[in-house]
C-alpha cells in the first residue's frame, strides 16, 4: 500500500489545527478560572512539566500528571484579578498518535 504524500500532509495539518484549538481552549479556561475544564483538555495520563530554564539543560521545577493534579495547580490563577495567556512561541512534535507541545510563557506577575 502506498501512502499518498498529499493525504499525509493534510492529516498532519488537520492535527496541528486541532492542537492549536486545544491551546486556545486551554488559555480561555485559564483566563476564565475554569480549572476543571482546563485539565479536562488533557488525556487522563497527560503531563505538564514546568521549567525555570532551558528544558534541554535543566530539570522541571514542577510536574503535573492527570486531571486532578492539573486542576488543583490551575486553581492558583484565582489569586489574580486578570490574566491573559498568550499562545505564541510554541512548537508541536507529532509522533504517530501522540503529540508534544512546548510553549514559552511569560511569568505571571501581580500589578498593584
PDB file of N, CA and C in Angstrom:
ATOM      1  N   UNK A   1       0.844  -1.188   0.000  1.00  0.00           N
ATOM      2  CA  UNK A   1       0.000   0.000   0.000  1.00  0.00           C
ATOM      3  C   UNK A   1       0.880   1.239   0.000  1.00  0.00           C
ATOM      4  N   UNK A   2       0.615   2.143  -0.877  1.00  0.00           N
ATOM      5  CA  UNK A   2       1.376   3.377  -0.987  1.00  0.00           C
ATOM      6  C   UNK A   2       0.654   4.502  -0.261  1.00  0.00           C
ATOM      7  N   UNK A   3       1.400   5.248   0.550  1.00  0.00           N
ATOM      8  CA  UNK A   3       0.818   6.371   1.269  1.00  0.00           C
ATOM      9  C   UNK A   3       0.906   7.606   0.387  1.00  0.00           C
ATOM     10  N   UNK A   4      -0.209   8.267   0.203  1.00  0.00           N
ATOM     11  CA  UNK A   4      -0.254   9.480  -0.593  1.00  0.00           C
ATOM     12  C   UNK A   4       0.325  10.627   0.232  1.00  0.00           C
ATOM     13  N   UNK A   5       1.361  11.260  -0.263  1.00  0.00           N
ATOM     14  CA  UNK A   5       2.014  12.341   0.462  1.00  0.00           C
ATOM     15  C   UNK A   5       1.051  13.488   0.741  1.00  0.00           C
ATOM     16  N   UNK A   6       0.201  13.805  -0.206  1.00  0.00           N
ATOM     17  CA  UNK A   6      -0.766  14.892  -0.003  1.00  0.00           C
ATOM     18  C   UNK A   6      -1.706  14.555   1.151  1.00  0.00           C
ATOM     19  N   UNK A   7      -2.164  13.308   1.213  1.00  0.00           N
ATOM     20  CA  UNK A   7      -3.045  12.906   2.313  1.00  0.00           C
ATOM     21  C   UNK A   7      -2.324  13.000   3.647  1.00  0.00           C
ATOM     22  N   UNK A   8      -1.066  12.574   3.680  1.00  0.00           N
ATOM     23  CA  UNK A   8      -0.287  12.640   4.912  1.00  0.00           C
ATOM     24  C   UNK A   8      -0.125  14.083   5.366  1.00  0.00           C
ATOM     25  N   UNK A   9       0.182  14.965   4.431  1.00  0.00           N
ATOM     26  CA  UNK A   9       0.329  16.381   4.777  1.00  0.00           C
ATOM     27  C   UNK A   9      -0.990  16.976   5.246  1.00  0.00           C
ATOM     28  N   UNK A  10      -2.084  16.607   4.603  1.00  0.00           N
ATOM     29  CA  UNK A  10      -3.402  17.096   5.021  1.00  0.00           C
ATOM     30  C   UNK A  10      -3.744  16.611   6.420  1.00  0.00           C
ATOM     31  N   UNK A  11      -3.444  15.343   6.716  1.00  0.00           N
ATOM     32  CA  UNK A  11      -3.705  14.807   8.052  1.00  0.00           C
ATOM     33  C   UNK A  11      -2.877  15.536   9.095  1.00  0.00           C
ATOM     34  N   UNK A  12      -1.607  15.779   8.786  1.00  0.00           N
ATOM     35  CA  UNK A  12      -0.744  16.482   9.738  1.00  0.00           C
ATOM     36  C   UNK A  12      -1.230  17.911   9.954  1.00  0.00           C
ATOM     37  N   UNK A  13      -1.632  18.577   8.893  1.00  0.00           N
ATOM     38  CA  UNK A  13      -2.147  19.938   9.023  1.00  0.00           C
ATOM     39  C   UNK A  13      -3.410  19.955   9.881  1.00  0.00           C
ATOM     40  N   UNK A  14      -4.288  18.979   9.668  1.00  0.00           N
ATOM     41  CA  UNK A  14      -5.516  18.899  10.472  1.00  0.00           C
ATOM     42  C   UNK A  14      -5.177  18.649  11.936  1.00  0.00           C
ATOM     43  N   UNK A  15      -4.206  17.772  12.203  1.00  0.00           N
ATOM     44  CA  UNK A  15      -3.783  17.512  13.584  1.00  0.00           C
ATOM     45  C   UNK A  15      -3.247  18.782  14.229  1.00  0.00           C
ATOM     46  N   UNK A  16      -2.427  19.518  13.501  1.00  0.00           N
ATOM     47  CA  UNK A  16      -1.848  20.753  14.047  1.00  0.00           C
ATOM     48  C   UNK A  16      -2.936  21.792  14.335  1.00  0.00           C
ATOM     49  N   UNK A  17      -3.937  21.880  13.482  1.00  0.00           N
ATOM     50  CA  UNK A  17      -5.041  22.808  13.732  1.00  0.00           C
ATOM     51  C   UNK A  17      -5.829  22.400  14.976  1.00  0.00           C
ATOM     52  N   UNK A  18      -6.049  21.109  15.154  1.00  0.00           N
ATOM     53  CA  UNK A  18      -6.757  20.643  16.349  1.00  0.00           C
ATOM     54  C   UNK A  18      -5.959  20.957  17.613  1.00  0.00           C
ATOM     55  N   UNK A  19      -4.648  20.779  17.543  1.00  0.00           N
ATOM     56  CA  UNK A  19      -3.798  21.096  18.697  1.00  0.00           C
ATOM     57  C   UNK A  19      -3.834  22.586  18.983  1.00  0.00           C
ATOM     58  N   UNK A  20      -3.794  23.398  17.942  1.00  0.00           N
ATOM     59  CA  UNK A  20      -3.880  24.849  18.134  1.00  0.00           C
ATOM     60  C   UNK A  20      -5.193  25.221  18.824  1.00  0.00           C
ATOM     61  N   UNK A  21      -6.291  24.602  18.394  1.00  0.00           N
ATOM     62  CA  UNK A  21      -7.586  24.877  19.019  1.00  0.00           C
ATOM     63  C   UNK A  21      -7.597  24.461  20.490  1.00  0.00           C
ATOM     64  N   UNK A  22      -6.924  23.354  20.809  1.00  0.00           N
ATOM     65  CA  UNK A  22      -6.808  22.937  22.211  1.00  0.00           C
ATOM     66  C   UNK A  22      -6.035  23.968  23.026  1.00  0.00           C
ATOM     67  N   UNK A  23      -4.985  24.514  22.441  1.00  0.00           N
ATOM     68  CA  UNK A  23      -4.192  25.529  23.139  1.00  0.00           C
ATOM     69  C   UNK A  23      -5.040  26.769  23.391  1.00  0.00           C
ATOM     70  N   UNK A  24      -5.806  27.176  22.401  1.00  0.00           N
ATOM     71  CA  UNK A  24      -6.692  28.328  22.589  1.00  0.00           C
ATOM     72  C   UNK A  24      -7.722  28.046  23.687  1.00  0.00           C
ATOM     73  N   UNK A  25      -8.259  26.841  23.702  1.00  0.00           N
ATOM     74  CA  UNK A  25      -9.225  26.474  24.742  1.00  0.00           C
ATOM     75  C   UNK A  25      -8.562  26.470  26.116  1.00  0.00           C
ATOM     76  N   UNK A  26      -7.318  25.985  26.181  1.00  0.00           N
ATOM     77  CA  UNK A  26      -6.562  25.977  27.443  1.00  0.00           C
ATOM     78  C   UNK A  26      -6.412  27.406  27.977  1.00  0.00           C
ATOM     79  N   UNK A  27      -6.008  28.330  27.108  1.00  0.00           N
ATOM     80  CA  UNK A  27      -5.831  29.724  27.519  1.00  0.00           C
ATOM     81  C   UNK A  27      -7.165  30.341  27.932  1.00  0.00           C
ATOM     82  N   UNK A  28      -8.206  30.037  27.191  1.00  0.00           N
ATOM     83  CA  UNK A  28      -9.545  30.545  27.504  1.00  0.00           C
ATOM     84  C   UNK A  28      -9.971  30.088  28.907  1.00  0.00           C
ATOM     85  N   UNK A  29      -9.812  28.797  29.182  1.00  0.00           N
ATOM     86  CA  UNK A  29     -10.185  28.272  30.505  1.00  0.00           C
ATOM     87  C   UNK A  29      -9.324  28.884  31.608  1.00  0.00           C
ATOM     88  N   UNK A  30      -8.033  29.054  31.334  1.00  0.00           N
ATOM     89  CA  UNK A  30      -7.132  29.633  32.339  1.00  0.00           C
ATOM     90  C   UNK A  30      -7.568  31.050  32.689  1.00  0.00           C
ATOM     91  N   UNK A  31      -7.857  31.846  31.697  1.00  0.00           N
ATOM     92  CA  UNK A  31      -8.186  33.244  31.927  1.00  0.00           C
ATOM     93  C   UNK A  31      -9.606  33.455  32.451  1.00  0.00           C
ATOM     94  N   UNK A  32     -10.401  32.417  32.427  1.00  0.00           N
ATOM     95  CA  UNK A  32     -11.767  32.493  32.971  1.00  0.00           C
ATOM     96  C   UNK A  32     -11.922  31.670  34.246  1.00  0.00           C
ATOM     97  N   UNK A  33     -10.800  31.183  34.783  1.00  0.00           N
ATOM     98  CA  UNK A  33     -10.754  30.447  36.049  1.00  0.00           C
ATOM     99  C   UNK A  33     -11.651  29.216  36.023  1.00  0.00           C
ATOM    100  N   UNK A  34     -11.411  28.364  35.031  1.00  0.00           N
ATOM    101  CA  UNK A  34     -12.149  27.113  34.890  1.00  0.00           C
ATOM    102  C   UNK A  34     -11.154  25.951  34.953  1.00  0.00           C
ATOM    103  N   UNK A  35     -10.583  25.698  36.131  1.00  0.00           N
ATOM    104  CA  UNK A  35      -9.504  24.707  36.229  1.00  0.00           C
ATOM    105  C   UNK A  35      -9.918  23.287  35.855  1.00  0.00           C
ATOM    106  N   UNK A  36     -11.134  22.888  36.160  1.00  0.00           N
ATOM    107  CA  UNK A  36     -11.563  21.530  35.818  1.00  0.00           C
ATOM    108  C   UNK A  36     -11.709  21.358  34.309  1.00  0.00           C
ATOM    109  N   UNK A  37     -12.283  22.369  33.645  1.00  0.00           N
ATOM    110  CA  UNK A  37     -12.405  22.314  32.188  1.00  0.00           C
ATOM    111  C   UNK A  37     -11.025  22.372  31.532  1.00  0.00           C
ATOM    112  N   UNK A  38     -10.144  23.164  32.109  1.00  0.00           N
ATOM    113  CA  UNK A  38      -8.781  23.298  31.592  1.00  0.00           C
ATOM    114  C   UNK A  38      -8.054  21.950  31.679  1.00  0.00           C
ATOM    115  N   UNK A  39      -8.144  21.287  32.811  1.00  0.00           N
ATOM    116  CA  UNK A  39      -7.485  19.993  32.993  1.00  0.00           C
ATOM    117  C   UNK A  39      -8.087  18.928  32.078  1.00  0.00           C
ATOM    118  N   UNK A  40      -9.386  19.010  31.841  1.00  0.00           N
ATOM    119  CA  UNK A  40     -10.066  18.017  31.008  1.00  0.00           C
ATOM    120  C   UNK A  40      -9.626  18.072  29.545  1.00  0.00           C
ATOM    121  N   UNK A  41      -8.926  19.115  29.155  1.00  0.00           N
ATOM    122  CA  UNK A  41      -8.415  19.212  27.789  1.00  0.00           C
ATOM    123  C   UNK A  41      -7.270  18.226  27.549  1.00  0.00           C
ATOM    124  N   UNK A  42      -6.679  17.715  28.629  1.00  0.00           N
ATOM    125  CA  UNK A  42      -5.582  16.756  28.535  1.00  0.00           C
ATOM    126  C   UNK A  42      -6.130  15.337  28.614  1.00  0.00           C
ATOM    127  N   UNK A  43      -5.350  14.376  28.151  1.00  0.00           N
ATOM    128  CA  UNK A  43      -5.714  12.980  28.360  1.00  0.00           C
ATOM    129  C   UNK A  43      -5.595  12.679  29.853  1.00  0.00           C
ATOM    130  N   UNK A  44      -6.212  11.615  30.292  1.00  0.00           N
ATOM    131  CA  UNK A  44      -6.207  11.302  31.725  1.00  0.00           C
ATOM    132  C   UNK A  44      -4.801  11.046  32.263  1.00  0.00           C
ATOM    133  N   UNK A  45      -3.878  10.646  31.403  1.00  0.00           N
ATOM    134  CA  UNK A  45      -2.492  10.432  31.830  1.00  0.00           C
ATOM    135  C   UNK A  45      -1.554  11.524  31.300  1.00  0.00           C
ATOM    136  N   UNK A  46      -2.129  12.627  30.839  1.00  0.00           N
ATOM    137  CA  UNK A  46      -1.330  13.730  30.310  1.00  0.00           C
ATOM    138  C   UNK A  46      -0.433  14.338  31.375  1.00  0.00           C
ATOM    139  N   UNK A  47       0.655  14.949  30.934  1.00  0.00           N
ATOM    140  CA  UNK A  47       1.586  15.578  31.869  1.00  0.00           C
ATOM    141  C   UNK A  47       1.905  16.998  31.440  1.00  0.00           C
ATOM    142  N   UNK A  48       2.212  17.806  32.439  1.00  0.00           N
ATOM    143  CA  UNK A  48       2.716  19.162  32.227  1.00  0.00           C
ATOM    144  C   UNK A  48       4.012  19.251  33.005  1.00  0.00           C
ATOM    145  N   UNK A  49       5.064  19.687  32.346  1.00  0.00           N
ATOM    146  CA  UNK A  49       6.347  19.905  33.012  1.00  0.00           C
ATOM    147  C   UNK A  49       6.659  21.389  32.928  1.00  0.00           C
ATOM    148  N   UNK A  50       6.986  21.986  34.067  1.00  0.00           N
ATOM    149  CA  UNK A  50       7.285  23.417  34.147  1.00  0.00           C
ATOM    150  C   UNK A  50       8.778  23.571  34.407  1.00  0.00           C
ATOM    151  N   UNK A  51       9.421  24.348  33.577  1.00  0.00           N
ATOM    152  CA  UNK A  51      10.864  24.577  33.685  1.00  0.00           C
ATOM    153  C   UNK A  51      11.142  26.040  33.976  1.00  0.00           C
ATOM    154  N   UNK A  52      12.167  26.293  34.779  1.00  0.00           N
ATOM    155  CA  UNK A  52      12.605  27.663  35.040  1.00  0.00           C
ATOM    156  C   UNK A  52      13.691  28.069  34.046  1.00  0.00           C
ATOM    157  N   UNK A  53      14.224  27.100  33.334  1.00  0.00           N
ATOM    158  CA  UNK A  53      15.276  27.352  32.362  1.00  0.00           C
ATOM    159  C   UNK A  53      15.060  26.503  31.129  1.00  0.00           C
ATOM    160  N   UNK A  54      16.103  26.271  30.407  1.00  0.00           N
ATOM    161  CA  UNK A  54      16.064  25.500  29.177  1.00  0.00           C
ATOM    162  C   UNK A  54      15.792  24.028  29.499  1.00  0.00           C
ATOM    163  N   UNK A  55      14.728  23.451  28.962  1.00  0.00           N
ATOM    164  CA  UNK A  55      14.422  22.051  29.243  1.00  0.00           C
ATOM    165  C   UNK A  55      15.537  21.080  28.819  1.00  0.00           C
ATOM    166  N   UNK A  56      16.358  21.494  27.886  1.00  0.00           N
ATOM    167  CA  UNK A  56      17.443  20.628  27.439  1.00  0.00           C
ATOM    168  C   UNK A  56      18.554  20.522  28.484  1.00  0.00           C
ATOM    169  N   UNK A  57      18.615  21.512  29.386  1.00  0.00           N
ATOM    170  CA  UNK A  57      19.723  21.530  30.345  1.00  0.00           C
ATOM    171  C   UNK A  57      19.271  21.610  31.798  1.00  0.00           C
ATOM    172  N   UNK A  58      17.984  21.539  32.048  1.00  0.00           N
ATOM    173  CA  UNK A  58      17.505  21.636  33.424  1.00  0.00           C
ATOM    174  C   UNK A  58      16.375  20.646  33.671  1.00  0.00           C
ATOM    175  N   UNK A  59      16.107  20.414  34.924  1.00  0.00           N
ATOM    176  CA  UNK A  59      15.016  19.542  35.333  1.00  0.00           C
ATOM    177  C   UNK A  59      13.769  20.395  35.582  1.00  0.00           C
ATOM    178  N   UNK A  60      12.591  19.804  35.460  1.00  0.00           N
ATOM    179  CA  UNK A  60      11.374  20.584  35.740  1.00  0.00           C
ATOM    180  C   UNK A  60      11.311  21.002  37.208  1.00  0.00           C
ATOM    181  N   UNK A  61      10.803  22.196  37.441  1.00  0.00           N
ATOM    182  CA  UNK A  61      10.588  22.656  38.811  1.00  0.00           C
ATOM    183  C   UNK A  61       9.233  22.184  39.321  1.00  0.00           C
ATOM    184  N   UNK A  62       8.376  21.757  38.387  1.00  0.00           N
ATOM    185  CA  UNK A  62       7.071  21.220  38.747  1.00  0.00           C
ATOM    186  C   UNK A  62       6.632  20.270  37.639  1.00  0.00           C
ATOM    187  N   UNK A  63       6.022  19.181  38.021  1.00  0.00           N
ATOM    188  CA  UNK A  63       5.500  18.218  37.060  1.00  0.00           C
ATOM    189  C   UNK A  63       4.114  17.793  37.527  1.00  0.00           C
ATOM    190  N   UNK A  64       3.157  17.865  36.628  1.00  0.00           N
ATOM    191  CA  UNK A  64       1.770  17.533  36.946  1.00  0.00           C
ATOM    192  C   UNK A  64       1.320  16.395  36.041  1.00  0.00           C
ATOM    193  N   UNK A  65       0.666  15.404  36.620  1.00  0.00           N
ATOM    194  CA  UNK A  65       0.155  14.286  35.831  1.00  0.00           C
ATOM    195  C   UNK A  65      -1.299  14.040  36.213  1.00  0.00           C
ATOM    196  N   UNK A  66      -2.133  13.964  35.200  1.00  0.00           N
ATOM    197  CA  UNK A  66      -3.548  13.652  35.425  1.00  0.00           C
ATOM    198  C   UNK A  66      -4.398  14.866  35.739  1.00  0.00           C
ATOM    199  N   UNK A  67      -5.690  14.674  35.560  1.00  0.00           N
ATOM    200  CA  UNK A  67      -6.651  15.770  35.708  1.00  0.00           C
ATOM    201  C   UNK A  67      -6.673  16.387  37.093  1.00  0.00           C
ATOM    202  N   UNK A  68      -6.652  15.575  38.136  1.00  0.00           N
ATOM    203  CA  UNK A  68      -6.791  16.143  39.483  1.00  0.00           C
ATOM    204  C   UNK A  68      -5.587  16.991  39.864  1.00  0.00           C
ATOM    205  N   UNK A  69      -4.381  16.539  39.560  1.00  0.00           N
ATOM    206  CA  UNK A  69      -3.190  17.348  39.861  1.00  0.00           C
ATOM    207  C   UNK A  69      -3.208  18.655  39.070  1.00  0.00           C
ATOM    208  N   UNK A  70      -3.589  18.553  37.804  1.00  0.00           N
ATOM    209  CA  UNK A  70      -3.615  19.759  36.973  1.00  0.00           C
ATOM    210  C   UNK A  70      -4.664  20.747  37.460  1.00  0.00           C
ATOM    211  N   UNK A  71      -5.871  20.275  37.696  1.00  0.00           N
ATOM    212  CA  UNK A  71      -6.947  21.175  38.133  1.00  0.00           C
ATOM    213  C   UNK A  71      -6.572  21.867  39.434  1.00  0.00           C
ATOM    214  N   UNK A  72      -5.973  21.129  40.353  1.00  0.00           N
ATOM    215  CA  UNK A  72      -5.560  21.731  41.623  1.00  0.00           C
ATOM    216  C   UNK A  72      -4.515  22.813  41.391  1.00  0.00           C
ATOM    217  N   UNK A  73      -3.542  22.531  40.538  1.00  0.00           N
ATOM    218  CA  UNK A  73      -2.490  23.516  40.251  1.00  0.00           C
ATOM    219  C   UNK A  73      -3.056  24.738  39.521  1.00  0.00           C
ATOM    220  N   UNK A  74      -4.004  24.520  38.620  1.00  0.00           N
ATOM    221  CA  UNK A  74      -4.578  25.632  37.853  1.00  0.00           C
ATOM    222  C   UNK A  74      -5.361  26.595  38.743  1.00  0.00           C
ATOM    223  N   UNK A  75      -5.789  26.139  39.906  1.00  0.00           N
ATOM    224  CA  UNK A  75      -6.555  26.999  40.819  1.00  0.00           C
ATOM    225  C   UNK A  75      -5.735  28.178  41.325  1.00  0.00           C
ATOM    226  N   UNK A  76      -4.426  28.111  41.196  1.00  0.00           N
ATOM    227  CA  UNK A  76      -3.580  29.226  41.643  1.00  0.00           C
ATOM    228  C   UNK A  76      -3.937  30.518  40.914  1.00  0.00           C
ATOM    229  N   UNK A  77      -4.479  30.389  39.714  1.00  0.00           N
ATOM    230  CA  UNK A  77      -4.831  31.584  38.948  1.00  0.00           C
ATOM    231  C   UNK A  77      -5.947  32.390  39.593  1.00  0.00           C
ATOM    232  N   UNK A  78      -6.702  31.784  40.495  1.00  0.00           N
ATOM    233  CA  UNK A  78      -7.778  32.520  41.157  1.00  0.00           C
ATOM    234  C   UNK A  78      -7.232  33.628  42.055  1.00  0.00           C
ATOM    235  N   UNK A  79      -5.935  33.609  42.323  1.00  0.00           N
ATOM    236  CA  UNK A  79      -5.308  34.663  43.109  1.00  0.00           C
ATOM    237  C   UNK A  79      -5.046  35.933  42.315  1.00  0.00           C
ATOM    238  N   UNK A  80      -5.307  35.888  41.038  1.00  0.00           N
ATOM    239  CA  UNK A  80      -5.101  37.048  40.168  1.00  0.00           C
ATOM    240  C   UNK A  80      -6.447  37.607  39.730  1.00  0.00           C
ATOM    241  N   UNK A  81      -6.534  38.927  39.667  1.00  0.00           N
ATOM    242  CA  UNK A  81      -7.769  39.546  39.188  1.00  0.00           C
ATOM    243  C   UNK A  81      -7.969  39.285  37.703  1.00  0.00           C
ATOM    244  N   UNK A  82      -6.880  39.406  36.940  1.00  0.00           N
ATOM    245  CA  UNK A  82      -6.938  39.257  35.486  1.00  0.00           C
ATOM    246  C   UNK A  82      -5.673  38.555  35.025  1.00  0.00           C
ATOM    247  N   UNK A  83      -5.815  37.652  34.082  1.00  0.00           N
ATOM    248  CA  UNK A  83      -4.666  37.078  33.401  1.00  0.00           C
ATOM    249  C   UNK A  83      -4.947  37.055  31.912  1.00  0.00           C
ATOM    250  N   UNK A  84      -3.903  37.060  31.136  1.00  0.00           N
ATOM    251  CA  UNK A  84      -4.013  36.906  29.698  1.00  0.00           C
ATOM    252  C   UNK A  84      -2.910  35.950  29.264  1.00  0.00           C
ATOM    253  N   UNK A  85      -3.296  34.781  28.827  1.00  0.00           N
ATOM    254  CA  UNK A  85      -2.323  33.794  28.375  1.00  0.00           C
ATOM    255  C   UNK A  85      -2.133  33.931  26.870  1.00  0.00           C
ATOM    256  N   UNK A  86      -0.942  34.318  26.487  1.00  0.00           N
ATOM    257  CA  UNK A  86      -0.591  34.413  25.075  1.00  0.00           C
ATOM    258  C   UNK A  86      -0.205  33.032  24.582  1.00  0.00           C
ATOM    259  N   UNK A  87      -0.498  32.725  23.347  1.00  0.00           N
ATOM    260  CA  UNK A  87      -0.289  31.373  22.837  1.00  0.00           C
ATOM    261  C   UNK A  87       0.764  31.322  21.735  1.00  0.00           C
ATOM    262  N   UNK A  88       1.729  32.200  21.779  1.00  0.00           N
ATOM    263  CA  UNK A  88       2.776  32.199  20.763  1.00  0.00           C
ATOM    264  C   UNK A  88       4.005  31.447  21.225  1.00  0.00           C
ATOM    265  N   UNK A  89       5.023  31.460  20.400  1.00  0.00           N
ATOM    266  CA  UNK A  89       6.309  30.814  20.672  1.00  0.00           C
ATOM    267  C   UNK A  89       6.127  29.370  21.102  1.00  0.00           C
ATOM    268  N   UNK A  90       5.485  28.599  20.263  1.00  0.00           N
ATOM    269  CA  UNK A  90       5.263  27.213  20.609  1.00  0.00           C
ATOM    270  C   UNK A  90       5.749  26.308  19.485  1.00  0.00           C
ATOM    271  N   UNK A  91       5.973  25.067  19.845  1.00  0.00           N
ATOM    272  CA  UNK A  91       6.328  24.063  18.848  1.00  0.00           C
ATOM    273  C   UNK A  91       5.525  22.808  19.142  1.00  0.00           C
ATOM    274  N   UNK A  92       5.205  22.090  18.084  1.00  0.00           N
ATOM    275  CA  UNK A  92       4.445  20.855  18.200  1.00  0.00           C
ATOM    276  C   UNK A  92       5.228  19.759  17.501  1.00  0.00           C
ATOM    277  N   UNK A  93       5.364  18.635  18.190  1.00  0.00           N
ATOM    278  CA  UNK A  93       6.006  17.466  17.591  1.00  0.00           C
ATOM    279  C   UNK A  93       4.967  16.367  17.514  1.00  0.00           C
ATOM    280  N   UNK A  94       4.717  15.877  16.306  1.00  0.00           N
ATOM    281  CA  UNK A  94       3.758  14.802  16.099  1.00  0.00           C
ATOM    282  C   UNK A  94       4.520  13.496  15.925  1.00  0.00           C
ATOM    283  N   UNK A  95       4.043  12.462  16.610  1.00  0.00           N
ATOM    284  CA  UNK A  95       4.671  11.151  16.518  1.00  0.00           C
ATOM    285  C   UNK A  95       3.570  10.104  16.561  1.00  0.00           C
ATOM    286  N   UNK A  96       3.151   9.664  15.397  1.00  0.00           N
ATOM    287  CA  UNK A  96       2.079   8.689  15.273  1.00  0.00           C
ATOM    288  C   UNK A  96       0.806   9.265  15.894  1.00  0.00           C
ATOM    289  N   UNK A  97       0.301   8.640  16.959  1.00  0.00           N
ATOM    290  CA  UNK A  97      -0.946   9.129  17.565  1.00  0.00           C
ATOM    291  C   UNK A  97      -0.699   9.952  18.818  1.00  0.00           C
ATOM    292  N   UNK A  98       0.534  10.438  19.009  1.00  0.00           N
ATOM    293  CA  UNK A  98       0.856  11.276  20.160  1.00  0.00           C
ATOM    294  C   UNK A  98       1.449  12.599  19.687  1.00  0.00           C
ATOM    295  N   UNK A  99       1.299  13.597  20.533  1.00  0.00           N
ATOM    296  CA  UNK A  99       1.854  14.913  20.224  1.00  0.00           C
ATOM    297  C   UNK A  99       2.471  15.500  21.480  1.00  0.00           C
ATOM    298  N   UNK A 100       3.539  16.264  21.285  1.00  0.00           N
ATOM    299  CA  UNK A 100       4.179  17.004  22.366  1.00  0.00           C
ATOM    300  C   UNK A 100       4.184  18.461  21.968  1.00  0.00           C
ATOM    301  N   UNK A 101       3.757  19.302  22.871  1.00  0.00           N
ATOM    302  CA  UNK A 101       3.721  20.739  22.605  1.00  0.00           C
ATOM    303  C   UNK A 101       4.564  21.441  23.637  1.00  0.00           C
ATOM    304  N   UNK A 102       5.359  22.384  23.180  1.00  0.00           N
ATOM    305  CA  UNK A 102       6.173  23.195  24.081  1.00  0.00           C
ATOM    306  C   UNK A 102       5.842  24.663  23.845  1.00  0.00           C
ATOM    307  N   UNK A 103       5.717  25.378  24.958  1.00  0.00           N
ATOM    308  CA  UNK A 103       5.426  26.805  24.899  1.00  0.00           C
ATOM    309  C   UNK A 103       6.396  27.564  25.778  1.00  0.00           C
ATOM    310  N   UNK A 104       6.649  28.790  25.397  1.00  0.00           N
ATOM    311  CA  UNK A 104       7.362  29.720  26.266  1.00  0.00           C
ATOM    312  C   UNK A 104       6.321  30.714  26.739  1.00  0.00           C
ATOM    313  N   UNK A 105       6.077  30.708  28.038  1.00  0.00           N
ATOM    314  CA  UNK A 105       5.075  31.606  28.613  1.00  0.00           C
ATOM    315  C   UNK A 105       5.751  32.579  29.557  1.00  0.00           C
ATOM    316  N   UNK A 106       5.403  33.858  29.473  1.00  0.00           N
ATOM    317  CA  UNK A 106       5.969  34.805  30.427  1.00  0.00           C
ATOM    318  C   UNK A 106       5.485  34.500  31.827  1.00  0.00           C
ATOM    319  N   UNK A 107       6.306  34.799  32.796  1.00  0.00           N
ATOM    320  CA  UNK A 107       5.944  34.563  34.195  1.00  0.00           C
ATOM    321  C   UNK A 107       4.825  35.518  34.600  1.00  0.00           C
ATOM    322  N   UNK A 108       3.900  34.990  35.359  1.00  0.00           N
ATOM    323  CA  UNK A 108       2.792  35.798  35.857  1.00  0.00           C
ATOM    324  C   UNK A 108       3.307  36.750  36.931  1.00  0.00           C
ATOM    325  N   UNK A 109       2.778  37.939  36.931  1.00  0.00           N
ATOM    326  CA  UNK A 109       3.139  38.887  37.989  1.00  0.00           C
ATOM    327  C   UNK A 109       1.909  39.681  38.393  1.00  0.00           C
ATOM    328  N   UNK A 110       1.900  40.084  39.613  1.00  0.00           N
ATOM    329  CA  UNK A 110       0.765  40.833  40.146  1.00  0.00           C
ATOM    330  C   UNK A 110       1.101  42.335  40.065  1.00  0.00           C
ATOM    331  N   UNK A 111       0.157  43.096  39.568  1.00  0.00           N
ATOM    332  CA  UNK A 111       0.330  44.538  39.466  1.00  0.00           C
ATOM    333  C   UNK A 111      -0.626  45.198  40.456  1.00  0.00           C
ATOM    334  N   UNK A 112      -0.100  46.134  41.210  1.00  0.00           N
ATOM    335  CA  UNK A 112      -0.955  46.880  42.122  1.00  0.00           C
ATOM    336  C   UNK A 112      -1.026  46.360  43.513  1.00  0.00           C
TER     337      UNK A 112
END
